[in-house]
Amino acid sequence: MRRIFFNALVVPLVALGLSGCDNDPQEKYVAELRSSNEVPANSSAAVGSVVFLVSRDGSRAEYSVEVDGLTGGIRGGHFHRAAAGVNGPIVLSFFFNEDGTENRTPTPGTTELEINKVIGRTITKTQLDLILTDLRAGNIYANVHTPNNPGGEVRGQMIRQ
């Protein structure tokens, strides 16, 4: 009974954070961010997760990123194109400027306040089209970069749920 109640409460709360795609999304992808997934792995105790929802008509997607325990301020956060265990090029940043343009290198040392909050964004069909084929093939990973781990502190492969 306790588990059913918990799921009934948490699932709607998670969906509220992703408003545009939460009504029966066509596709859902999740990544568990861990230091052991980085290439090469590091000893950080940080953890996180990424949830990526694609709208039923494929016209947009929304994602949220949550991380905790990073060794320093965020220097970058991105989706990369590559299979698990392989490093690949950035295909989409987690961060955007006020005018909506992509920002691949946020201000060094982003504050702890921002580190401990969820990053959530909506992306357009044009941005989604750049990664959708690779996302469906399991060839997109997410990671977060810090000054202590400039190549990435935590990483996770986007897996369809």
Protein backbone atom coordinates (compact mmCIF):
# COMPACT_ATOMS: atom_id res chain seq x y z
CA MET A 1 0.00 0.00 0.00
CA ARG A 2 2.79 2.42 0.88
CA ARG A 3 4.55 1.86 -2.48
CA ILE A 4 1.34 2.44 -4.45
CA PHE A 5 0.68 5.68 -2.57
CA PHE A 6 4.26 6.86 -3.14
CA ASN A 7 4.07 6.15 -6.88
CA ALA A 8 0.67 7.81 -7.14
CA LEU A 9 2.12 10.96 -5.57
CA VAL A 10 5.58 11.14 -7.15
CA VAL A 11 4.70 10.35 -10.78
CA PRO A 12 2.27 13.29 -11.13
CA LEU A 13 4.77 15.61 -9.40
CA VAL A 14 7.52 14.63 -11.84
CA ALA A 15 5.15 15.18 -14.75
CA LEU A 16 4.31 18.68 -13.53
CA GLY A 17 7.94 19.68 -14.02
CA LEU A 18 7.72 18.88 -17.73
CA SER A 19 4.52 20.59 -18.77
CA GLY A 20 4.53 20.54 -22.57
CA CYS A 21 5.13 16.82 -23.09
CA ASP A 22 3.63 15.35 -19.94
CA ASN A 23 0.26 14.45 -21.46
CA ASP A 24 1.03 11.00 -22.83
CA PRO A 25 4.52 11.55 -24.28
CA GLN A 26 5.39 9.37 -27.22
CA GLU A 27 8.86 8.57 -25.98
CA LYS A 28 10.64 8.80 -22.62
CA TYR A 29 14.39 8.46 -22.11
CA VAL A 30 16.24 8.37 -18.78
CA ALA A 31 19.92 8.51 -17.83
CA GLU A 32 21.42 7.76 -14.44
CA LEU A 33 24.39 10.09 -14.01
CA ARG A 34 27.37 8.48 -12.24
CA SER A 35 31.12 9.14 -12.15
CA SER A 36 31.78 5.49 -12.99
CA ASN A 37 30.10 6.05 -16.40
CA GLU A 38 32.64 8.71 -17.40
CA VAL A 39 35.43 7.82 -19.83
CA PRO A 40 37.76 7.64 -18.03
CA ALA A 41 35.87 7.06 -14.77
CA ASN A 42 36.60 9.30 -11.80
CA SER A 43 36.10 9.01 -8.03
CA SER A 44 33.39 11.64 -7.55
CA ALA A 45 30.48 10.69 -5.29
CA ALA A 46 28.13 12.94 -7.29
CA VAL A 47 24.95 11.46 -8.74
CA GLY A 48 22.18 12.70 -10.96
CA SER A 49 19.53 11.90 -13.49
CA VAL A 50 18.20 13.17 -16.79
CA VAL A 51 14.63 12.69 -18.01
CA PHE A 52 13.96 13.44 -21.69
CA LEU A 53 10.39 13.44 -23.04
CA VAL A 54 9.55 13.63 -26.74
CA SER A 55 6.08 14.93 -27.68
CA ARG A 56 3.68 12.56 -29.42
CA ASP A 57 3.95 14.47 -32.72
CA GLY A 58 7.76 14.78 -32.50
CA SER A 59 7.59 18.57 -32.71
CA ARG A 60 9.39 19.26 -29.43
CA ALA A 61 10.98 17.68 -26.41
CA GLU A 62 11.54 18.62 -22.82
CA TYR A 63 14.25 17.51 -20.47
CA SER A 64 15.19 17.96 -16.87
CA VAL A 65 18.59 17.41 -15.29
CA GLU A 66 19.19 16.98 -11.60
CA VAL A 67 22.61 16.58 -10.00
CA ASP A 68 23.82 16.45 -6.42
CA GLY A 69 27.21 16.27 -4.74
CA LEU A 70 29.38 17.76 -7.48
CA THR A 71 32.95 18.63 -6.50
CA GLY A 72 32.60 22.19 -7.82
CA GLY A 73 30.54 24.56 -9.89
CA ILE A 74 29.11 23.41 -13.21
CA ARG A 75 31.35 24.33 -16.15
CA GLY A 76 29.10 22.69 -18.71
CA GLY A 77 26.34 20.16 -19.26
CA HIS A 78 25.60 18.55 -22.58
CA PHE A 79 24.11 15.78 -24.62
CA HIS A 80 26.84 14.03 -26.61
CA ARG A 81 26.66 11.64 -29.57
CA ALA A 82 28.36 8.31 -28.78
CA ALA A 83 27.72 4.80 -27.54
CA ALA A 84 28.28 3.86 -23.89
CA GLY A 85 31.98 3.72 -23.03
CA VAL A 86 33.00 6.05 -25.85
CA ASN A 87 33.47 9.83 -25.80
CA GLY A 88 31.70 11.82 -28.49
CA PRO A 89 30.96 15.34 -29.71
CA ILE A 90 28.48 17.70 -28.07
CA VAL A 91 25.16 17.79 -29.91
CA LEU A 92 23.09 19.92 -27.51
CA SER A 93 23.85 21.97 -24.41
CA PHE A 94 21.74 21.90 -21.24
CA PHE A 95 22.02 25.69 -21.07
CA PHE A 96 20.49 28.47 -23.16
CA ASN A 97 20.99 32.22 -23.23
CA GLU A 98 18.12 34.59 -22.46
CA ASP A 99 17.46 35.05 -26.19
CA GLY A 100 16.97 31.28 -26.58
CA THR A 101 20.30 30.55 -28.27
CA GLU A 102 22.33 27.60 -27.05
CA ASN A 103 25.13 28.27 -24.55
CA ARG A 104 27.70 25.45 -24.60
CA THR A 105 29.91 27.03 -21.93
CA PRO A 106 27.98 28.60 -19.04
CA THR A 107 29.77 31.00 -16.74
CA PRO A 108 32.57 29.08 -14.97
CA GLY A 109 31.72 28.17 -11.40
CA THR A 110 27.94 28.24 -11.72
CA THR A 111 26.61 28.67 -8.19
CA GLU A 112 25.79 25.90 -5.75
CA LEU A 113 22.19 27.13 -5.82
CA GLU A 114 22.02 26.26 -9.50
CA ILE A 115 23.85 22.96 -8.98
CA ASN A 116 21.25 21.75 -6.50
CA LYS A 117 18.21 22.72 -8.55
CA VAL A 118 16.73 21.01 -11.55
CA ILE A 119 17.72 22.34 -14.97
CA GLY A 120 14.67 22.04 -17.21
CA ARG A 121 14.26 23.15 -20.81
CA THR A 122 12.03 22.76 -23.82
CA ILE A 123 13.71 22.29 -27.17
CA THR A 124 12.33 22.89 -30.64
CA LYS A 125 11.81 20.48 -33.52
CA THR A 126 14.96 21.82 -35.19
CA GLN A 127 17.04 21.07 -32.09
CA LEU A 128 15.31 17.71 -31.56
CA ASP A 129 15.85 16.62 -35.17
CA LEU A 130 19.64 16.91 -34.62
CA ILE A 131 19.62 14.15 -32.00
CA LEU A 132 16.43 12.09 -32.37
CA THR A 133 17.83 9.32 -34.60
CA ASP A 134 20.84 8.85 -32.32
CA LEU A 135 18.66 9.08 -29.21
CA ARG A 136 16.44 6.26 -30.51
CA ALA A 137 19.55 4.20 -31.36
CA GLY A 138 20.96 4.56 -27.83
CA ASN A 139 23.83 6.75 -29.00
CA ILE A 140 23.24 9.85 -26.87
CA TYR A 141 24.70 10.36 -23.42
CA ALA A 142 24.42 13.24 -20.97
CA ASN A 143 27.16 14.56 -18.74
CA VAL A 144 28.04 17.43 -16.43
CA HIS A 145 31.50 19.07 -16.38
CA THR A 146 33.15 20.76 -13.38
CA PRO A 147 36.54 22.46 -12.79
CA ASN A 148 37.82 19.32 -11.03
CA ASN A 149 36.56 17.09 -13.83
CA PRO A 150 36.65 19.17 -17.03
CA GLY A 151 36.06 16.11 -19.21
CA GLY A 152 32.94 15.27 -17.20
CA GLU A 153 32.17 14.49 -13.56
CA VAL A 154 29.02 12.42 -14.07
CA ARG A 155 27.64 10.73 -17.16
CA GLY A 156 24.75 8.53 -18.20
CA GLN A 157 23.53 6.94 -21.42
CA MET A 158 20.01 7.98 -22.47
CA ILE A 159 17.89 4.81 -22.39
CA ARG A 160 14.33 4.50 -23.66
CA GLN A 161 11.85 3.55 -20.94
